[in-house]
Amino acid sequence: MERKSKRREVILVGGGPACCSAAIQLVRSNKNILLITKEIGGLVKNANLVENLLGFSKGIRGEEYVSMMKEQLKETKVPVVIDEVKKVKKIEDHFVITTSNEEFFSDYVIIGSGTIPRKLQIQGEKKAYQNRKLFYDVYEAKAYLEKNDDVIIVGGGDAAYDYALNISDQVKQIRILQRSEKAKCLPLLLNRVRKKKYIQIIKNFTPSEISFYSNKLVLSVKRSPKKFVDLLTDKILVAIGRIPNIFFIEEGLLTSDNLQSTNPRLVLIGDVKNKRFRQISIAIGDGLKEAMKIIEENE
């Protein structure tokens, strides 16, 4: 880890494809940079199979791609600090980046902090999460799943169906609970899920409460104000969307829609600003473009 000098030309916040591609480009141009992140890879590790990334004709598992990212950062000698950024603020002509352990200073800040999961906002959710019975991240969940587990996945989009395929060989039964009649995932994911006999799709139900029964969870779901059903399960995976991870950025540094910077030396890249266009290739391009802009400005 690099902590000798705390003043850098550019500090990058985030460890996903966007920040990693930007960092590599900046290092290639001999810029004095630092990448700060809790972990390398971002959400890529959750992907069962990435199939739309040019160059991988048979697709690549998310965990494998993260390993390749780490190796490339190492080979290009990108300085990395594994830490959590708590605050980014502007003071006079520079930025102050405060982590859990110390402060750093920079002329530019590139924010590629990605997204955080939406929560169900129902009774019992927090307790289930604290007891390692409910998860928002399939990578984390896999460490706690057991062969005879029944798992309910809440959500009807790409993430929910991809999570189901990701853990399909690790548990006994999976139920995908979606609030609408029609799945909102890619057709190929839906077709793959339908071929799995032990994955069931439950339509038109919304979670309303989580309680405990012995060592299991009871997920109460409703179809209408008067129709409730209790579902007994071992674990719950929540995949109901994500929101930009921008809560550490000082007020006033972002526009009212939180998707643009008000300071030309602070830029947002990747999933943190791309709404539903959250793809590895887009994130890589974002990072590369913004890095090149900074390089050109300082030639």
C-alpha atoms as a PDB file:
ATOM      1  CA  MET A   1       0.000   0.000   0.000  1.00  0.00           C
ATOM      2  CA  GLU A   2       1.059   3.582  -0.721  1.00  0.00           C
ATOM      3  CA  ARG A   3       0.764   6.038   2.174  1.00  0.00           C
ATOM      4  CA  LYS A   4       4.087   7.901   2.097  1.00  0.00           C
ATOM      5  CA  SER A   5       2.860  11.066   0.414  1.00  0.00           C
ATOM      6  CA  LYS A   6      -0.690  12.205   1.096  1.00  0.00           C
ATOM      7  CA  ARG A   7      -0.851  14.834  -1.689  1.00  0.00           C
ATOM      8  CA  ARG A   8      -1.593  13.509  -5.169  1.00  0.00           C
ATOM      9  CA  GLU A   9      -2.478  14.933  -8.537  1.00  0.00           C
ATOM     10  CA  VAL A  10      -5.470  12.623  -8.780  1.00  0.00           C
ATOM     11  CA  ILE A  11      -7.243  10.491  -6.204  1.00  0.00           C
ATOM     12  CA  LEU A  12      -9.725   7.897  -7.402  1.00  0.00           C
ATOM     13  CA  VAL A  13     -12.520   6.694  -5.127  1.00  0.00           C
ATOM     14  CA  GLY A  14     -13.761   3.230  -6.040  1.00  0.00           C
ATOM     15  CA  GLY A  15     -12.379  -0.109  -7.152  1.00  0.00           C
ATOM     16  CA  GLY A  16     -14.646  -1.133 -10.005  1.00  0.00           C
ATOM     17  CA  PRO A  17     -13.865  -1.209 -13.745  1.00  0.00           C
ATOM     18  CA  ALA A  18     -14.393   2.569 -14.110  1.00  0.00           C
ATOM     19  CA  CYS A  19     -11.796   3.663 -11.564  1.00  0.00           C
ATOM     20  CA  CYS A  20      -9.400   0.853 -12.417  1.00  0.00           C
ATOM     21  CA  SER A  21      -9.344   1.765 -16.118  1.00  0.00           C
ATOM     22  CA  ALA A  22      -8.876   5.455 -15.264  1.00  0.00           C
ATOM     23  CA  ALA A  23      -6.074   4.653 -12.822  1.00  0.00           C
ATOM     24  CA  ILE A  24      -4.208   2.514 -15.335  1.00  0.00           C
ATOM     25  CA  GLN A  25      -4.389   5.245 -17.982  1.00  0.00           C
ATOM     26  CA  LEU A  26      -3.179   7.911 -15.530  1.00  0.00           C
ATOM     27  CA  VAL A  27      -0.259   5.765 -14.368  1.00  0.00           C
ATOM     28  CA  ARG A  28       0.727   5.159 -17.992  1.00  0.00           C
ATOM     29  CA  SER A  29       1.022   8.945 -18.319  1.00  0.00           C
ATOM     30  CA  ASN A  30       3.175   9.191 -15.183  1.00  0.00           C
ATOM     31  CA  LYS A  31       0.553  10.957 -13.094  1.00  0.00           C
ATOM     32  CA  ASN A  32       0.929  10.915  -9.320  1.00  0.00           C
ATOM     33  CA  ILE A  33      -2.263   9.146  -8.281  1.00  0.00           C
ATOM     34  CA  LEU A  34      -3.845   7.038  -5.576  1.00  0.00           C
ATOM     35  CA  LEU A  35      -6.793   4.670  -5.808  1.00  0.00           C
ATOM     36  CA  ILE A  36      -8.791   4.264  -2.582  1.00  0.00           C
ATOM     37  CA  THR A  37     -11.382   1.519  -2.275  1.00  0.00           C
ATOM     38  CA  LYS A  38     -12.794  -0.999   0.171  1.00  0.00           C
ATOM     39  CA  GLU A  39     -12.132  -3.732  -2.372  1.00  0.00           C
ATOM     40  CA  ILE A  40     -11.111  -4.207  -5.981  1.00  0.00           C
ATOM     41  CA  GLY A  41     -13.828  -5.294  -8.387  1.00  0.00           C
ATOM     42  CA  GLY A  42     -16.965  -3.558  -7.230  1.00  0.00           C
ATOM     43  CA  LEU A  43     -20.137  -5.422  -8.174  1.00  0.00           C
ATOM     44  CA  VAL A  44     -18.402  -7.485 -10.850  1.00  0.00           C
ATOM     45  CA  LYS A  45     -17.769 -10.258  -8.330  1.00  0.00           C
ATOM     46  CA  ASN A  46     -21.535 -10.871  -8.112  1.00  0.00           C
ATOM     47  CA  ALA A  47     -21.907 -11.692 -11.811  1.00  0.00           C
ATOM     48  CA  ASN A  48     -22.558 -15.332 -12.576  1.00  0.00           C
ATOM     49  CA  LEU A  49     -21.394 -14.919 -16.177  1.00  0.00           C
ATOM     50  CA  VAL A  50     -20.470 -11.732 -18.048  1.00  0.00           C
ATOM     51  CA  GLU A  51     -21.347 -12.352 -21.698  1.00  0.00           C
ATOM     52  CA  ASN A  52     -21.344  -8.894 -23.307  1.00  0.00           C
ATOM     53  CA  LEU A  53     -17.715  -7.992 -22.673  1.00  0.00           C
ATOM     54  CA  LEU A  54     -15.804  -7.844 -25.946  1.00  0.00           C
ATOM     55  CA  GLY A  55     -12.963 -10.348 -26.132  1.00  0.00           C
ATOM     56  CA  PHE A  56     -14.602 -13.068 -24.035  1.00  0.00           C
ATOM     57  CA  SER A  57     -16.522 -15.084 -26.604  1.00  0.00           C
ATOM     58  CA  LYS A  58     -17.695 -17.663 -24.055  1.00  0.00           C
ATOM     59  CA  GLY A  59     -18.250 -15.151 -21.286  1.00  0.00           C
ATOM     60  CA  ILE A  60     -16.321 -14.888 -18.043  1.00  0.00           C
ATOM     61  CA  ARG A  61     -17.334 -15.395 -14.432  1.00  0.00           C
ATOM     62  CA  GLY A  62     -17.375 -12.247 -12.348  1.00  0.00           C
ATOM     63  CA  GLU A  63     -14.904 -13.543  -9.769  1.00  0.00           C
ATOM     64  CA  GLU A  64     -12.456 -14.523 -12.506  1.00  0.00           C
ATOM     65  CA  TYR A  65     -12.673 -11.088 -14.092  1.00  0.00           C
ATOM     66  CA  VAL A  66     -11.981  -9.430 -10.734  1.00  0.00           C
ATOM     67  CA  SER A  67      -8.824 -11.546 -10.420  1.00  0.00           C
ATOM     68  CA  MET A  68      -7.721 -10.268 -13.822  1.00  0.00           C
ATOM     69  CA  MET A  69      -8.394  -6.682 -12.751  1.00  0.00           C
ATOM     70  CA  LYS A  70      -6.246  -7.128  -9.646  1.00  0.00           C
ATOM     71  CA  GLU A  71      -3.434  -8.611 -11.688  1.00  0.00           C
ATOM     72  CA  GLN A  72      -3.484  -5.737 -14.177  1.00  0.00           C
ATOM     73  CA  LEU A  73      -3.396  -3.133 -11.400  1.00  0.00           C
ATOM     74  CA  LYS A  74      -0.404  -4.941  -9.949  1.00  0.00           C
ATOM     75  CA  GLU A  75       1.386  -5.167 -13.289  1.00  0.00           C
ATOM     76  CA  THR A  76       0.873  -1.470 -14.042  1.00  0.00           C
ATOM     77  CA  LYS A  77       1.907  -0.530 -10.485  1.00  0.00           C
ATOM     78  CA  VAL A  78      -1.251   1.387  -9.617  1.00  0.00           C
ATOM     79  CA  PRO A  79      -0.934   2.570  -5.984  1.00  0.00           C
ATOM     80  CA  VAL A  80      -3.896   1.276  -3.990  1.00  0.00           C
ATOM     81  CA  VAL A  81      -5.102   1.920  -0.445  1.00  0.00           C
ATOM     82  CA  ILE A  82      -7.715  -0.504   0.859  1.00  0.00           C
ATOM     83  CA  ASP A  83      -9.886   1.710   3.032  1.00  0.00           C
ATOM     84  CA  GLU A  84     -13.343   3.282   3.133  1.00  0.00           C
ATOM     85  CA  VAL A  85     -13.784   6.892   2.056  1.00  0.00           C
ATOM     86  CA  LYS A  86     -15.934   8.727   4.579  1.00  0.00           C
ATOM     87  CA  LYS A  87     -15.845  12.263   3.146  1.00  0.00           C
ATOM     88  CA  VAL A  88     -14.808  14.173   0.041  1.00  0.00           C
ATOM     89  CA  LYS A  89     -14.769  17.961   0.378  1.00  0.00           C
ATOM     90  CA  LYS A  90     -13.254  21.005  -1.323  1.00  0.00           C
ATOM     91  CA  ILE A  91     -10.942  23.361   0.567  1.00  0.00           C
ATOM     92  CA  GLU A  92      -9.441  26.306  -1.314  1.00  0.00           C
ATOM     93  CA  ASP A  93      -7.608  24.922  -4.373  1.00  0.00           C
ATOM     94  CA  HIS A  94      -7.639  21.239  -3.469  1.00  0.00           C
ATOM     95  CA  PHE A  95      -9.800  18.342  -2.303  1.00  0.00           C
ATOM     96  CA  VAL A  96      -9.631  16.584   1.042  1.00  0.00           C
ATOM     97  CA  ILE A  97     -10.431  12.873   1.036  1.00  0.00           C
ATOM     98  CA  THR A  98     -11.058  11.473   4.501  1.00  0.00           C
ATOM     99  CA  THR A  99     -10.976   7.705   5.002  1.00  0.00           C
ATOM    100  CA  SER A 100     -11.602   5.559   8.057  1.00  0.00           C
ATOM    101  CA  ASN A 101      -7.943   5.966   9.012  1.00  0.00           C
ATOM    102  CA  GLU A 102      -6.471   9.178   7.570  1.00  0.00           C
ATOM    103  CA  GLU A 103      -6.712  12.137   5.194  1.00  0.00           C
ATOM    104  CA  PHE A 104      -5.389  12.578   1.670  1.00  0.00           C
ATOM    105  CA  PHE A 105      -5.246  15.635  -0.581  1.00  0.00           C
ATOM    106  CA  SER A 106      -5.528  15.991  -4.351  1.00  0.00           C
ATOM    107  CA  ASP A 107      -5.922  18.400  -7.259  1.00  0.00           C
ATOM    108  CA  TYR A 108      -8.522  16.167  -8.944  1.00  0.00           C
ATOM    109  CA  VAL A 109     -10.958  13.579  -7.623  1.00  0.00           C
ATOM    110  CA  ILE A 110     -12.480  10.839  -9.756  1.00  0.00           C
ATOM    111  CA  ILE A 111     -15.531   9.272  -8.125  1.00  0.00           C
ATOM    112  CA  GLY A 112     -16.364   5.759  -9.269  1.00  0.00           C
ATOM    113  CA  SER A 113     -18.007   4.611  -6.062  1.00  0.00           C
ATOM    114  CA  GLY A 114     -20.776   2.677  -7.774  1.00  0.00           C
ATOM    115  CA  THR A 115     -24.111   1.973  -6.160  1.00  0.00           C
ATOM    116  CA  ILE A 116     -25.583   0.595  -2.964  1.00  0.00           C
ATOM    117  CA  PRO A 117     -28.588  -1.732  -2.749  1.00  0.00           C
ATOM    118  CA  ARG A 118     -32.125  -0.590  -2.154  1.00  0.00           C
ATOM    119  CA  LYS A 119     -33.591  -2.128   0.965  1.00  0.00           C
ATOM    120  CA  LEU A 120     -37.030  -3.617   1.450  1.00  0.00           C
ATOM    121  CA  GLN A 121     -37.825  -1.181   4.274  1.00  0.00           C
ATOM    122  CA  ILE A 122     -39.925  -3.750   6.135  1.00  0.00           C
ATOM    123  CA  GLN A 123     -40.060  -4.955   9.715  1.00  0.00           C
ATOM    124  CA  GLY A 124     -37.532  -7.668  10.545  1.00  0.00           C
ATOM    125  CA  GLU A 125     -35.191  -6.857   7.644  1.00  0.00           C
ATOM    126  CA  LYS A 126     -32.415  -5.388   9.775  1.00  0.00           C
ATOM    127  CA  LYS A 127     -32.490  -8.260  12.277  1.00  0.00           C
ATOM    128  CA  ALA A 128     -32.379 -10.851   9.480  1.00  0.00           C
ATOM    129  CA  TYR A 129     -29.384  -9.065   7.957  1.00  0.00           C
ATOM    130  CA  GLN A 130     -27.573  -8.887  11.289  1.00  0.00           C
ATOM    131  CA  ASN A 131     -28.146 -12.623  11.785  1.00  0.00           C
ATOM    132  CA  ARG A 132     -26.671 -13.449   8.371  1.00  0.00           C
ATOM    133  CA  LYS A 133     -30.007 -14.677   7.101  1.00  0.00           C
ATOM    134  CA  LEU A 134     -30.652 -11.851   4.637  1.00  0.00           C
ATOM    135  CA  PHE A 135     -28.215 -10.517   2.059  1.00  0.00           C
ATOM    136  CA  TYR A 136     -27.982  -7.821  -0.606  1.00  0.00           C
ATOM    137  CA  ASP A 137     -24.830  -9.219  -2.202  1.00  0.00           C
ATOM    138  CA  VAL A 138     -24.721 -12.717  -3.683  1.00  0.00           C
ATOM    139  CA  TYR A 139     -20.950 -12.905  -3.209  1.00  0.00           C
ATOM    140  CA  GLU A 140     -21.396 -12.444   0.541  1.00  0.00           C
ATOM    141  CA  ALA A 141     -24.406 -14.757   0.672  1.00  0.00           C
ATOM    142  CA  LYS A 142     -22.500 -17.653  -0.888  1.00  0.00           C
ATOM    143  CA  ALA A 143     -20.256 -17.843   2.179  1.00  0.00           C
ATOM    144  CA  TYR A 144     -23.298 -18.631   4.353  1.00  0.00           C
ATOM    145  CA  LEU A 145     -25.420 -20.807   2.088  1.00  0.00           C
ATOM    146  CA  GLU A 146     -25.794 -24.517   2.830  1.00  0.00           C
ATOM    147  CA  LYS A 147     -26.644 -27.419   0.544  1.00  0.00           C
ATOM    148  CA  ASN A 148     -30.124 -27.990   1.985  1.00  0.00           C
ATOM    149  CA  ASP A 149     -31.089 -24.319   2.104  1.00  0.00           C
ATOM    150  CA  ASP A 150     -34.288 -22.929   0.678  1.00  0.00           C
ATOM    151  CA  VAL A 151     -33.586 -19.409  -0.603  1.00  0.00           C
ATOM    152  CA  ILE A 152     -36.010 -16.661  -1.567  1.00  0.00           C
ATOM    153  CA  ILE A 153     -34.694 -14.019  -3.958  1.00  0.00           C
ATOM    154  CA  VAL A 154     -36.726 -10.807  -3.931  1.00  0.00           C
ATOM    155  CA  GLY A 155     -36.671  -8.991  -7.264  1.00  0.00           C
ATOM    156  CA  GLY A 156     -37.597  -9.434 -10.897  1.00  0.00           C
ATOM    157  CA  GLY A 157     -34.708  -7.915 -12.827  1.00  0.00           C
ATOM    158  CA  ASP A 158     -31.380  -9.076 -14.229  1.00  0.00           C
ATOM    159  CA  ALA A 159     -29.705  -9.166 -10.817  1.00  0.00           C
ATOM    160  CA  ALA A 160     -32.363 -11.372  -9.219  1.00  0.00           C
ATOM    161  CA  TYR A 161     -32.318 -13.919 -12.027  1.00  0.00           C
ATOM    162  CA  ASP A 162     -28.532 -13.858 -12.302  1.00  0.00           C
ATOM    163  CA  TYR A 163     -28.250 -14.401  -8.535  1.00  0.00           C
ATOM    164  CA  ALA A 164     -30.540 -17.422  -8.850  1.00  0.00           C
ATOM    165  CA  LEU A 165     -28.319 -18.961 -11.507  1.00  0.00           C
ATOM    166  CA  ASN A 166     -25.210 -18.083  -9.509  1.00  0.00           C
ATOM    167  CA  ILE A 167     -26.285 -20.067  -6.442  1.00  0.00           C
ATOM    168  CA  SER A 168     -28.300 -22.758  -8.239  1.00  0.00           C
ATOM    169  CA  ASP A 169     -25.687 -25.465  -7.625  1.00  0.00           C
ATOM    170  CA  GLN A 170     -25.200 -24.511  -3.990  1.00  0.00           C
ATOM    171  CA  VAL A 171     -28.689 -24.809  -2.478  1.00  0.00           C
ATOM    172  CA  LYS A 172     -31.704 -27.123  -2.508  1.00  0.00           C
ATOM    173  CA  GLN A 173     -34.443 -24.781  -3.689  1.00  0.00           C
ATOM    174  CA  ILE A 174     -34.770 -21.197  -4.931  1.00  0.00           C
ATOM    175  CA  ARG A 175     -37.900 -19.080  -5.169  1.00  0.00           C
ATOM    176  CA  ILE A 176     -37.816 -15.794  -7.066  1.00  0.00           C
ATOM    177  CA  LEU A 177     -40.407 -13.416  -5.673  1.00  0.00           C
ATOM    178  CA  GLN A 178     -41.382 -10.617  -8.050  1.00  0.00           C
ATOM    179  CA  ARG A 179     -44.078  -7.986  -7.594  1.00  0.00           C
ATOM    180  CA  SER A 180     -45.195  -7.968 -11.240  1.00  0.00           C
ATOM    181  CA  GLU A 181     -46.556 -10.573 -13.618  1.00  0.00           C
ATOM    182  CA  LYS A 182     -43.717 -10.150 -16.092  1.00  0.00           C
ATOM    183  CA  ALA A 183     -40.036 -10.563 -15.319  1.00  0.00           C
ATOM    184  CA  LYS A 184     -37.881  -7.538 -16.124  1.00  0.00           C
ATOM    185  CA  CYS A 185     -34.718  -9.488 -16.847  1.00  0.00           C
ATOM    186  CA  LEU A 186     -33.039 -10.405 -20.125  1.00  0.00           C
ATOM    187  CA  PRO A 187     -34.914 -13.166 -21.986  1.00  0.00           C
ATOM    188  CA  LEU A 188     -31.852 -15.423 -21.947  1.00  0.00           C
ATOM    189  CA  LEU A 189     -31.699 -15.239 -18.123  1.00  0.00           C
ATOM    190  CA  LEU A 190     -35.405 -16.034 -17.872  1.00  0.00           C
ATOM    191  CA  ASN A 191     -35.009 -19.014 -20.207  1.00  0.00           C
ATOM    192  CA  ARG A 192     -32.066 -20.380 -18.214  1.00  0.00           C
ATOM    193  CA  VAL A 193     -33.961 -20.041 -14.952  1.00  0.00           C
ATOM    194  CA  ARG A 194     -37.005 -21.821 -16.397  1.00  0.00           C
ATOM    195  CA  LYS A 195     -34.817 -24.810 -17.256  1.00  0.00           C
ATOM    196  CA  LYS A 196     -33.864 -25.258 -13.597  1.00  0.00           C
ATOM    197  CA  LYS A 197     -36.465 -27.523 -11.959  1.00  0.00           C
ATOM    198  CA  TYR A 198     -35.690 -26.313  -8.444  1.00  0.00           C
ATOM    199  CA  ILE A 199     -36.107 -22.594  -9.234  1.00  0.00           C
ATOM    200  CA  GLN A 200     -39.688 -21.373  -8.842  1.00  0.00           C
ATOM    201  CA  ILE A 201     -40.991 -17.958  -9.909  1.00  0.00           C
ATOM    202  CA  ILE A 202     -43.659 -16.420  -7.659  1.00  0.00           C
ATOM    203  CA  LYS A 203     -45.458 -13.512  -9.323  1.00  0.00           C
ATOM    204  CA  ASN A 204     -47.491 -10.532  -8.147  1.00  0.00           C
ATOM    205  CA  PHE A 205     -46.452 -10.596  -4.494  1.00  0.00           C
ATOM    206  CA  THR A 206     -44.775  -7.884  -2.397  1.00  0.00           C
ATOM    207  CA  PRO A 207     -42.812  -8.527   0.837  1.00  0.00           C
ATOM    208  CA  SER A 208     -44.431  -6.978   3.915  1.00  0.00           C
ATOM    209  CA  GLU A 209     -42.627  -8.383   6.975  1.00  0.00           C
ATOM    210  CA  ILE A 210     -39.869 -10.774   8.086  1.00  0.00           C
ATOM    211  CA  SER A 211     -40.066 -12.785  11.295  1.00  0.00           C
ATOM    212  CA  PHE A 212     -38.157 -15.697  12.823  1.00  0.00           C
ATOM    213  CA  TYR A 213     -39.428 -19.236  13.354  1.00  0.00           C
ATOM    214  CA  SER A 214     -36.930 -21.553  15.030  1.00  0.00           C
ATOM    215  CA  ASN A 215     -33.801 -21.263  12.856  1.00  0.00           C
ATOM    216  CA  LYS A 216     -35.710 -20.134   9.782  1.00  0.00           C
ATOM    217  CA  LEU A 217     -37.233 -16.959   8.407  1.00  0.00           C
ATOM    218  CA  VAL A 218     -40.883 -16.296   7.691  1.00  0.00           C
ATOM    219  CA  LEU A 219     -41.386 -13.853   4.838  1.00  0.00           C
ATOM    220  CA  SER A 220     -44.901 -12.442   4.836  1.00  0.00           C
ATOM    221  CA  VAL A 221     -45.940 -11.353   1.360  1.00  0.00           C
ATOM    222  CA  LYS A 222     -49.092  -9.717   0.064  1.00  0.00           C
ATOM    223  CA  ARG A 223     -50.911  -9.759  -3.246  1.00  0.00           C
ATOM    224  CA  SER A 224     -53.625  -7.319  -2.238  1.00  0.00           C
ATOM    225  CA  PRO A 225     -54.556  -5.442   0.944  1.00  0.00           C
ATOM    226  CA  LYS A 226     -56.485  -8.522   2.091  1.00  0.00           C
ATOM    227  CA  LYS A 227     -54.413 -11.404   0.725  1.00  0.00           C
ATOM    228  CA  PHE A 228     -51.306 -12.367   2.711  1.00  0.00           C
ATOM    229  CA  VAL A 229     -49.150 -15.490   2.499  1.00  0.00           C
ATOM    230  CA  ASP A 230     -46.337 -16.612   4.813  1.00  0.00           C
ATOM    231  CA  LEU A 231     -43.305 -18.209   3.158  1.00  0.00           C
ATOM    232  CA  LEU A 232     -40.885 -20.242   5.281  1.00  0.00           C
ATOM    233  CA  THR A 233     -37.265 -20.049   4.122  1.00  0.00           C
ATOM    234  CA  ASP A 234     -33.666 -20.367   5.273  1.00  0.00           C
ATOM    235  CA  LYS A 235     -32.164 -17.306   3.582  1.00  0.00           C
ATOM    236  CA  ILE A 236     -33.325 -14.222   1.685  1.00  0.00           C
ATOM    237  CA  LEU A 237     -31.453 -12.424  -1.093  1.00  0.00           C
ATOM    238  CA  VAL A 238     -32.649  -8.912  -1.924  1.00  0.00           C
ATOM    239  CA  ALA A 239     -32.190  -7.616  -5.484  1.00  0.00           C
ATOM    240  CA  ILE A 240     -34.687  -4.782  -5.952  1.00  0.00           C
ATOM    241  CA  GLY A 241     -32.466  -2.150  -7.492  1.00  0.00           C
ATOM    242  CA  ARG A 242     -29.623   0.127  -6.492  1.00  0.00           C
ATOM    243  CA  ILE A 243     -28.977   3.822  -5.801  1.00  0.00           C
ATOM    244  CA  PRO A 244     -25.820   5.926  -6.382  1.00  0.00           C
ATOM    245  CA  ASN A 245     -23.261   5.753  -3.582  1.00  0.00           C
ATOM    246  CA  ILE A 246     -22.676   9.489  -3.152  1.00  0.00           C
ATOM    247  CA  PHE A 247     -23.429  10.069   0.517  1.00  0.00           C
ATOM    248  CA  PHE A 248     -19.804  10.820   1.374  1.00  0.00           C
ATOM    249  CA  ILE A 249     -19.550  13.753  -1.076  1.00  0.00           C
ATOM    250  CA  GLU A 250     -19.814  17.216   0.458  1.00  0.00           C
ATOM    251  CA  GLU A 251     -23.057  19.051  -0.191  1.00  0.00           C
ATOM    252  CA  GLY A 252     -22.711  21.509  -3.052  1.00  0.00           C
ATOM    253  CA  LEU A 253     -20.213  19.483  -5.066  1.00  0.00           C
ATOM    254  CA  LEU A 254     -22.989  17.766  -7.045  1.00  0.00           C
ATOM    255  CA  THR A 255     -25.944  19.075  -9.042  1.00  0.00           C
ATOM    256  CA  SER A 256     -29.471  18.698  -7.691  1.00  0.00           C
ATOM    257  CA  ASP A 257     -29.970  15.407  -9.555  1.00  0.00           C
ATOM    258  CA  ASN A 258     -26.694  14.084  -8.053  1.00  0.00           C
ATOM    259  CA  LEU A 259     -25.468  12.905 -11.445  1.00  0.00           C
ATOM    260  CA  GLN A 260     -23.098  15.743 -12.337  1.00  0.00           C
ATOM    261  CA  SER A 261     -20.312  17.571 -10.555  1.00  0.00           C
ATOM    262  CA  THR A 262     -20.413  21.323  -9.968  1.00  0.00           C
ATOM    263  CA  ASN A 263     -16.605  21.415  -9.965  1.00  0.00           C
ATOM    264  CA  PRO A 264     -14.647  20.614 -13.148  1.00  0.00           C
ATOM    265  CA  ARG A 265     -11.938  18.888 -11.111  1.00  0.00           C
ATOM    266  CA  LEU A 266     -14.340  16.414  -9.540  1.00  0.00           C
ATOM    267  CA  VAL A 267     -15.798  13.901 -11.976  1.00  0.00           C
ATOM    268  CA  LEU A 268     -18.228  11.007 -11.675  1.00  0.00           C
ATOM    269  CA  ILE A 269     -17.668   7.838 -13.687  1.00  0.00           C
ATOM    270  CA  GLY A 270     -19.328   4.463 -14.078  1.00  0.00           C
ATOM    271  CA  ASP A 271     -22.404   3.163 -12.301  1.00  0.00           C
ATOM    272  CA  VAL A 272     -22.567   6.045  -9.827  1.00  0.00           C
ATOM    273  CA  LYS A 273     -23.923   8.279 -12.619  1.00  0.00           C
ATOM    274  CA  ASN A 274     -25.132   5.939 -15.346  1.00  0.00           C
ATOM    275  CA  LYS A 275     -28.576   5.054 -13.958  1.00  0.00           C
ATOM    276  CA  ARG A 276     -29.768   1.876 -15.676  1.00  0.00           C
ATOM    277  CA  PHE A 277     -26.788   1.772 -18.055  1.00  0.00           C
ATOM    278  CA  ARG A 278     -24.663  -0.180 -15.602  1.00  0.00           C
ATOM    279  CA  GLN A 279     -22.315  -2.247 -17.730  1.00  0.00           C
ATOM    280  CA  ILE A 280     -18.616  -3.070 -17.435  1.00  0.00           C
ATOM    281  CA  SER A 281     -17.783  -1.830 -20.931  1.00  0.00           C
ATOM    282  CA  ILE A 282     -19.507   1.511 -20.340  1.00  0.00           C
ATOM    283  CA  ALA A 283     -17.722   1.947 -17.018  1.00  0.00           C
ATOM    284  CA  ILE A 284     -14.336   1.189 -18.577  1.00  0.00           C
ATOM    285  CA  GLY A 285     -14.970   3.764 -21.297  1.00  0.00           C
ATOM    286  CA  ASP A 286     -16.055   6.358 -18.744  1.00  0.00           C
ATOM    287  CA  GLY A 287     -12.874   5.904 -16.758  1.00  0.00           C
ATOM    288  CA  LEU A 288     -10.594   5.988 -19.765  1.00  0.00           C
ATOM    289  CA  LYS A 289     -12.221   9.127 -21.198  1.00  0.00           C
ATOM    290  CA  GLU A 290     -12.051  11.137 -17.972  1.00  0.00           C
ATOM    291  CA  ALA A 291      -8.458  10.086 -17.371  1.00  0.00           C
ATOM    292  CA  MET A 292      -7.502  11.253 -20.860  1.00  0.00           C
ATOM    293  CA  LYS A 293      -9.211  14.610 -20.258  1.00  0.00           C
ATOM    294  CA  ILE A 294      -7.181  15.175 -17.094  1.00  0.00           C
ATOM    295  CA  ILE A 295      -3.977  14.201 -18.879  1.00  0.00           C
ATOM    296  CA  GLU A 296      -4.698  16.633 -21.740  1.00  0.00           C
ATOM    297  CA  GLU A 297      -5.477  19.467 -19.312  1.00  0.00           C
ATOM    298  CA  ASN A 298      -2.093  19.062 -17.671  1.00  0.00           C
ATOM    299  CA  GLU A 299       0.210  18.548 -20.650  1.00  0.00           C
END
